[in-house]
């Protein structure tokens, strides 16, 4: 794939020998005249309170930035309450305690002490 910005917000994209004109404005992308609404989500952005904070279903606890897991405060299967610490990640010599956004049970625990993690890495899942 070859992508070239021809002017601000306008791109020429060549994929498999086919040329596309792509225009990006706000939350809309137009490809050869066909408009699409888009939503961008940054996996590095930690949402302290989200729609799942009081709801049902799965909630993933993710690393907000690259760092190192220095402590795991729960085990898989543990019951947790909103605001309870789950994992402590050290980044840039600062320790960040990642907390459960709601009551539930830890169903997945992927974090291990001394693991290096990247932004957006799922460390635990609360159901």
N, C-alpha and C. Protein backbone atom coordinates (compact mmCIF):
# COMPACT_ATOMS: atom_id res chain seq x y z
N UNK A 1 0.85 -1.17 0.00
CA UNK A 1 0.00 0.00 0.00
C UNK A 1 0.90 1.23 0.00
N UNK A 2 0.53 2.20 -0.81
CA UNK A 2 1.27 3.44 -0.90
C UNK A 2 0.31 4.59 -0.56
N UNK A 3 0.68 5.41 0.43
CA UNK A 3 -0.17 6.52 0.86
C UNK A 3 0.64 7.81 0.78
N UNK A 4 0.08 8.80 0.08
CA UNK A 4 0.73 10.11 -0.05
C UNK A 4 -0.29 11.19 0.27
N UNK A 5 0.07 12.11 1.17
CA UNK A 5 -0.81 13.25 1.46
C UNK A 5 -0.61 14.27 0.36
N UNK A 6 -1.66 14.50 -0.43
CA UNK A 6 -1.55 15.43 -1.56
C UNK A 6 -1.83 16.87 -1.15
N UNK A 7 -2.63 17.05 -0.13
CA UNK A 7 -2.90 18.36 0.48
C UNK A 7 -3.45 18.05 1.88
N UNK A 8 -3.52 19.04 2.76
CA UNK A 8 -3.97 18.75 4.12
C UNK A 8 -5.33 18.06 4.14
N UNK A 9 -5.36 16.86 4.74
CA UNK A 9 -6.60 16.10 4.87
C UNK A 9 -7.00 15.31 3.63
N UNK A 10 -6.18 15.35 2.57
CA UNK A 10 -6.48 14.62 1.34
C UNK A 10 -5.30 13.70 1.03
N UNK A 11 -5.62 12.42 0.77
CA UNK A 11 -4.58 11.42 0.57
C UNK A 11 -4.82 10.66 -0.72
N UNK A 12 -3.75 10.30 -1.37
CA UNK A 12 -3.81 9.40 -2.51
C UNK A 12 -3.33 8.04 -2.00
N UNK A 13 -4.20 7.05 -2.12
CA UNK A 13 -3.88 5.71 -1.63
C UNK A 13 -3.89 4.76 -2.82
N UNK A 14 -2.80 4.01 -2.98
CA UNK A 14 -2.73 3.00 -4.04
C UNK A 14 -2.58 1.65 -3.37
N UNK A 15 -3.56 0.76 -3.64
CA UNK A 15 -3.57 -0.58 -3.06
C UNK A 15 -3.85 -1.57 -4.18
N UNK A 16 -2.95 -2.52 -4.38
CA UNK A 16 -3.09 -3.54 -5.43
C UNK A 16 -3.34 -2.92 -6.81
N UNK A 17 -2.66 -1.81 -7.10
CA UNK A 17 -2.77 -1.17 -8.39
C UNK A 17 -4.00 -0.30 -8.58
N UNK A 18 -4.82 -0.18 -7.55
CA UNK A 18 -6.03 0.64 -7.61
C UNK A 18 -5.80 1.91 -6.80
N UNK A 19 -6.14 3.06 -7.39
CA UNK A 19 -5.94 4.36 -6.75
C UNK A 19 -7.24 4.83 -6.08
N UNK A 20 -7.10 5.36 -4.87
CA UNK A 20 -8.24 5.89 -4.12
C UNK A 20 -7.91 7.30 -3.65
N UNK A 21 -8.91 8.19 -3.70
CA UNK A 21 -8.77 9.50 -3.09
C UNK A 21 -9.48 9.45 -1.74
N UNK A 22 -8.75 9.76 -0.68
CA UNK A 22 -9.30 9.69 0.67
C UNK A 22 -9.26 11.08 1.29
N UNK A 23 -10.41 11.53 1.77
CA UNK A 23 -10.50 12.83 2.44
C UNK A 23 -10.93 12.60 3.88
N UNK A 24 -10.19 13.17 4.82
CA UNK A 24 -10.50 13.01 6.24
C UNK A 24 -10.84 14.36 6.83
N UNK A 25 -12.06 14.47 7.39
CA UNK A 25 -12.50 15.69 8.06
C UNK A 25 -13.27 15.29 9.31
N UNK A 26 -12.76 15.68 10.45
CA UNK A 26 -13.44 15.38 11.71
C UNK A 26 -13.65 13.89 11.88
N UNK A 27 -14.90 13.49 12.05
CA UNK A 27 -15.22 12.08 12.25
C UNK A 27 -15.70 11.42 10.96
N UNK A 28 -15.41 12.05 9.82
CA UNK A 28 -15.86 11.49 8.54
C UNK A 28 -14.66 11.27 7.62
N UNK A 29 -14.68 10.12 6.96
CA UNK A 29 -13.67 9.80 5.95
C UNK A 29 -14.42 9.51 4.66
N UNK A 30 -14.00 10.14 3.56
CA UNK A 30 -14.62 9.92 2.26
C UNK A 30 -13.60 9.22 1.36
N UNK A 31 -14.01 8.08 0.80
CA UNK A 31 -13.15 7.32 -0.09
C UNK A 31 -13.84 7.27 -1.45
N UNK A 32 -13.22 7.94 -2.44
CA UNK A 32 -13.78 8.01 -3.80
C UNK A 32 -15.25 8.41 -3.78
N UNK A 33 -15.61 9.37 -2.95
CA UNK A 33 -16.97 9.89 -2.91
C UNK A 33 -17.92 9.19 -1.95
N UNK A 34 -17.52 8.07 -1.36
CA UNK A 34 -18.35 7.35 -0.40
C UNK A 34 -17.93 7.76 1.02
N UNK A 35 -18.90 8.28 1.78
CA UNK A 35 -18.60 8.81 3.12
C UNK A 35 -18.79 7.73 4.19
N UNK A 36 -17.91 7.74 5.18
CA UNK A 36 -17.96 6.82 6.32
C UNK A 36 -17.76 7.62 7.60
N UNK A 37 -18.59 7.36 8.61
CA UNK A 37 -18.39 7.94 9.93
C UNK A 37 -17.42 7.04 10.67
N UNK A 38 -16.45 7.65 11.36
CA UNK A 38 -15.46 6.86 12.09
C UNK A 38 -15.40 7.32 13.53
N UNK A 39 -14.94 6.44 14.38
CA UNK A 39 -14.66 6.75 15.77
C UNK A 39 -13.26 6.24 16.06
N UNK A 40 -12.39 7.11 16.52
CA UNK A 40 -11.03 6.72 16.85
C UNK A 40 -10.93 6.46 18.34
N UNK A 41 -10.32 5.32 18.69
CA UNK A 41 -10.10 5.01 20.09
C UNK A 41 -8.62 4.77 20.28
N UNK A 42 -8.06 5.43 21.24
CA UNK A 42 -6.64 5.28 21.55
C UNK A 42 -6.51 4.25 22.67
N UNK A 43 -5.92 3.08 22.39
CA UNK A 43 -5.82 2.06 23.43
C UNK A 43 -4.93 2.50 24.59
N UNK A 44 -4.13 3.54 24.36
CA UNK A 44 -3.27 4.04 25.43
C UNK A 44 -4.03 4.91 26.40
N UNK A 45 -5.22 5.36 26.00
CA UNK A 45 -6.01 6.26 26.83
C UNK A 45 -6.79 5.45 27.86
N UNK A 46 -6.47 5.63 29.13
CA UNK A 46 -7.16 4.91 30.19
C UNK A 46 -8.39 5.69 30.58
N UNK A 47 -9.53 5.04 30.52
CA UNK A 47 -10.78 5.69 30.86
C UNK A 47 -11.12 5.36 32.29
N UNK A 48 -10.95 6.34 33.18
CA UNK A 48 -11.21 6.11 34.60
C UNK A 48 -12.67 5.77 34.86
N UNK A 49 -13.57 6.41 34.13
CA UNK A 49 -14.97 6.05 34.28
C UNK A 49 -15.55 5.93 32.89
N UNK A 50 -16.15 4.80 32.66
CA UNK A 50 -16.71 4.56 31.34
C UNK A 50 -18.11 4.01 31.49
N UNK A 51 -18.70 3.63 30.39
CA UNK A 51 -20.04 3.09 30.41
C UNK A 51 -20.13 1.82 31.22
N UNK A 52 -19.06 1.08 31.34
CA UNK A 52 -19.10 -0.20 32.05
C UNK A 52 -18.90 -0.03 33.55
N UNK A 53 -18.66 1.17 33.99
CA UNK A 53 -18.33 1.38 35.40
C UNK A 53 -19.42 0.87 36.33
N UNK A 54 -20.67 0.97 35.95
CA UNK A 54 -21.73 0.47 36.82
C UNK A 54 -22.53 -0.62 36.15
N UNK A 55 -22.14 -1.02 34.96
CA UNK A 55 -22.93 -1.96 34.20
C UNK A 55 -22.49 -3.39 34.34
N UNK A 56 -23.00 -4.19 33.44
CA UNK A 56 -22.71 -5.62 33.41
C UNK A 56 -21.70 -5.90 32.31
N UNK A 57 -21.24 -7.14 32.25
CA UNK A 57 -20.34 -7.54 31.18
C UNK A 57 -18.89 -7.44 31.58
N UNK A 58 -18.03 -7.57 30.59
CA UNK A 58 -16.59 -7.59 30.83
C UNK A 58 -16.01 -6.19 30.83
N UNK A 59 -15.05 -5.97 31.70
CA UNK A 59 -14.29 -4.73 31.74
C UNK A 59 -12.82 -5.12 31.73
N UNK A 60 -12.08 -4.59 30.77
CA UNK A 60 -10.64 -4.88 30.70
C UNK A 60 -9.85 -3.80 31.42
N UNK A 61 -8.91 -4.23 32.23
CA UNK A 61 -7.96 -3.31 32.87
C UNK A 61 -6.73 -3.33 31.97
N UNK A 62 -6.39 -2.17 31.38
CA UNK A 62 -5.30 -2.11 30.42
C UNK A 62 -4.20 -1.16 30.92
N UNK A 63 -2.99 -1.42 30.45
CA UNK A 63 -1.86 -0.56 30.79
C UNK A 63 -2.05 0.78 30.10
N UNK A 64 -2.02 1.89 30.85
CA UNK A 64 -2.23 3.20 30.24
C UNK A 64 -1.02 3.71 29.47
N UNK A 65 0.14 3.10 29.71
CA UNK A 65 1.37 3.52 29.04
C UNK A 65 2.37 2.37 29.14
N UNK A 66 3.44 2.41 28.37
CA UNK A 66 4.45 1.36 28.50
C UNK A 66 5.07 1.40 29.89
N UNK A 67 5.39 0.24 30.43
CA UNK A 67 5.99 0.20 31.76
C UNK A 67 6.29 -1.22 32.17
N UNK A 68 6.42 -1.39 33.50
CA UNK A 68 6.76 -2.68 34.08
C UNK A 68 5.78 -2.97 35.20
N UNK A 69 5.25 -4.19 35.23
CA UNK A 69 4.36 -4.60 36.30
C UNK A 69 5.22 -4.83 37.55
N UNK A 70 4.96 -4.06 38.60
CA UNK A 70 5.76 -4.22 39.82
C UNK A 70 5.01 -4.98 40.91
N UNK A 71 3.66 -4.99 40.87
CA UNK A 71 2.88 -5.75 41.84
C UNK A 71 1.56 -6.17 41.23
N UNK A 72 1.15 -7.38 41.54
CA UNK A 72 -0.18 -7.87 41.19
C UNK A 72 -0.92 -8.01 42.52
N UNK A 73 -2.04 -7.29 42.66
CA UNK A 73 -2.72 -7.20 43.95
C UNK A 73 -3.89 -8.17 44.10
N UNK A 74 -4.23 -8.89 43.05
CA UNK A 74 -5.35 -9.84 43.09
C UNK A 74 -4.93 -11.13 42.39
N UNK A 75 -5.78 -12.14 42.49
CA UNK A 75 -5.57 -13.40 41.78
C UNK A 75 -6.81 -13.69 40.93
N UNK A 76 -6.65 -14.50 39.91
CA UNK A 76 -7.80 -14.89 39.09
C UNK A 76 -8.83 -15.56 39.99
N UNK A 77 -10.09 -15.16 39.83
CA UNK A 77 -11.16 -15.71 40.64
C UNK A 77 -11.54 -14.85 41.83
N UNK A 78 -10.70 -13.87 42.19
CA UNK A 78 -10.98 -12.99 43.32
C UNK A 78 -12.18 -12.10 43.04
N UNK A 79 -12.99 -11.87 44.06
CA UNK A 79 -14.06 -10.87 44.00
C UNK A 79 -13.42 -9.51 44.29
N UNK A 80 -13.79 -8.49 43.52
CA UNK A 80 -13.25 -7.14 43.73
C UNK A 80 -14.39 -6.14 43.80
N UNK A 81 -14.11 -4.99 44.40
CA UNK A 81 -15.08 -3.91 44.48
C UNK A 81 -14.55 -2.72 43.69
N UNK A 82 -15.46 -1.85 43.30
CA UNK A 82 -15.07 -0.65 42.56
C UNK A 82 -14.02 0.12 43.33
N UNK A 83 -12.95 0.49 42.65
CA UNK A 83 -11.88 1.27 43.27
C UNK A 83 -10.78 0.43 43.89
N UNK A 84 -10.95 -0.89 43.92
CA UNK A 84 -9.92 -1.76 44.49
C UNK A 84 -8.75 -1.88 43.53
N UNK A 85 -7.54 -1.83 44.06
CA UNK A 85 -6.33 -1.97 43.24
C UNK A 85 -6.23 -3.36 42.64
N UNK A 86 -5.82 -3.42 41.38
CA UNK A 86 -5.69 -4.69 40.67
C UNK A 86 -4.22 -4.98 40.37
N UNK A 87 -3.55 -4.00 39.75
CA UNK A 87 -2.16 -4.15 39.32
C UNK A 87 -1.45 -2.82 39.50
N UNK A 88 -0.16 -2.86 39.84
CA UNK A 88 0.65 -1.64 39.92
C UNK A 88 1.67 -1.70 38.79
N UNK A 89 1.65 -0.66 37.93
CA UNK A 89 2.56 -0.57 36.80
C UNK A 89 3.47 0.63 37.03
N UNK A 90 4.78 0.42 36.85
CA UNK A 90 5.75 1.51 36.99
C UNK A 90 6.11 2.01 35.60
N UNK A 91 6.00 3.32 35.43
CA UNK A 91 6.37 3.94 34.16
C UNK A 91 7.07 5.25 34.48
N UNK A 92 8.22 5.46 33.90
CA UNK A 92 8.98 6.68 34.11
C UNK A 92 9.21 6.96 35.59
N UNK A 93 9.55 5.90 36.33
CA UNK A 93 9.87 5.97 37.76
C UNK A 93 8.68 6.37 38.63
N UNK A 94 7.47 6.26 38.09
CA UNK A 94 6.26 6.53 38.87
C UNK A 94 5.42 5.27 38.87
N UNK A 95 4.85 4.94 40.03
CA UNK A 95 4.00 3.76 40.12
C UNK A 95 2.54 4.16 40.00
N UNK A 96 1.82 3.46 39.13
CA UNK A 96 0.40 3.72 38.89
C UNK A 96 -0.40 2.50 39.30
N UNK A 97 -1.27 2.66 40.29
CA UNK A 97 -2.13 1.56 40.69
C UNK A 97 -3.39 1.58 39.82
N UNK A 98 -3.58 0.52 39.06
CA UNK A 98 -4.75 0.41 38.20
C UNK A 98 -5.85 -0.25 39.02
N UNK A 99 -7.02 0.40 39.04
CA UNK A 99 -8.11 -0.03 39.92
C UNK A 99 -9.30 -0.56 39.13
N UNK A 100 -10.09 -1.38 39.79
CA UNK A 100 -11.30 -1.90 39.18
C UNK A 100 -12.33 -0.79 39.06
N UNK A 101 -12.94 -0.63 37.88
CA UNK A 101 -13.95 0.41 37.72
C UNK A 101 -15.31 0.03 38.31
N UNK A 102 -15.47 -1.26 38.67
CA UNK A 102 -16.76 -1.70 39.22
C UNK A 102 -16.57 -2.98 40.04
N UNK A 103 -17.63 -3.36 40.74
CA UNK A 103 -17.63 -4.62 41.47
C UNK A 103 -17.65 -5.78 40.47
N UNK A 104 -17.04 -6.90 40.83
CA UNK A 104 -17.07 -8.07 39.97
C UNK A 104 -16.06 -9.10 40.40
N UNK A 105 -15.77 -10.01 39.49
CA UNK A 105 -14.82 -11.09 39.74
C UNK A 105 -13.71 -11.01 38.69
N UNK A 106 -12.48 -11.22 39.11
CA UNK A 106 -11.34 -11.25 38.18
C UNK A 106 -11.41 -12.58 37.43
N UNK A 107 -11.73 -12.53 36.15
CA UNK A 107 -11.85 -13.77 35.37
C UNK A 107 -10.59 -14.07 34.57
N UNK A 108 -9.85 -13.03 34.22
CA UNK A 108 -8.59 -13.20 33.50
C UNK A 108 -7.55 -12.33 34.18
N UNK A 109 -6.39 -12.91 34.45
CA UNK A 109 -5.28 -12.13 35.02
C UNK A 109 -4.04 -12.47 34.22
N UNK A 110 -3.67 -11.56 33.32
CA UNK A 110 -2.52 -11.79 32.45
C UNK A 110 -1.25 -11.13 32.98
N UNK A 111 -1.40 -10.23 33.94
CA UNK A 111 -0.24 -9.50 34.46
C UNK A 111 0.57 -10.41 35.39
N UNK A 112 1.87 -10.34 35.24
CA UNK A 112 2.79 -11.05 36.13
C UNK A 112 3.86 -10.05 36.56
N UNK A 113 4.28 -10.15 37.82
CA UNK A 113 5.30 -9.23 38.31
C UNK A 113 6.56 -9.32 37.44
N UNK A 114 7.14 -8.15 37.18
CA UNK A 114 8.35 -7.95 36.37
C UNK A 114 8.10 -8.04 34.87
N UNK A 115 6.85 -8.23 34.44
CA UNK A 115 6.54 -8.21 33.00
C UNK A 115 6.68 -6.79 32.47
N UNK A 116 7.23 -6.64 31.28
CA UNK A 116 7.20 -5.36 30.58
C UNK A 116 5.91 -5.34 29.77
N UNK A 117 5.22 -4.20 29.78
CA UNK A 117 3.95 -4.08 29.06
C UNK A 117 3.98 -2.84 28.18
N UNK A 118 3.21 -2.89 27.11
CA UNK A 118 3.06 -1.73 26.24
C UNK A 118 1.69 -1.08 26.53
N UNK A 119 1.52 0.12 26.08
CA UNK A 119 0.23 0.81 26.26
C UNK A 119 -0.86 -0.01 25.60
N UNK A 120 -1.96 -0.18 26.32
CA UNK A 120 -3.10 -0.92 25.77
C UNK A 120 -3.08 -2.40 26.06
N UNK A 121 -2.00 -2.92 26.66
CA UNK A 121 -1.94 -4.33 27.00
C UNK A 121 -3.01 -4.65 28.04
N UNK A 122 -3.81 -5.68 27.79
CA UNK A 122 -4.83 -6.10 28.75
C UNK A 122 -4.13 -6.84 29.89
N UNK A 123 -4.30 -6.32 31.10
CA UNK A 123 -3.66 -6.90 32.27
C UNK A 123 -4.61 -7.81 33.05
N UNK A 124 -5.88 -7.45 33.06
CA UNK A 124 -6.88 -8.24 33.78
C UNK A 124 -8.26 -7.96 33.18
N UNK A 125 -9.18 -8.88 33.42
CA UNK A 125 -10.55 -8.71 32.98
C UNK A 125 -11.46 -8.94 34.19
N UNK A 126 -12.41 -8.02 34.39
CA UNK A 126 -13.38 -8.09 35.48
C UNK A 126 -14.74 -8.40 34.87
N UNK A 127 -15.44 -9.37 35.42
CA UNK A 127 -16.82 -9.66 34.97
C UNK A 127 -17.76 -9.58 36.14
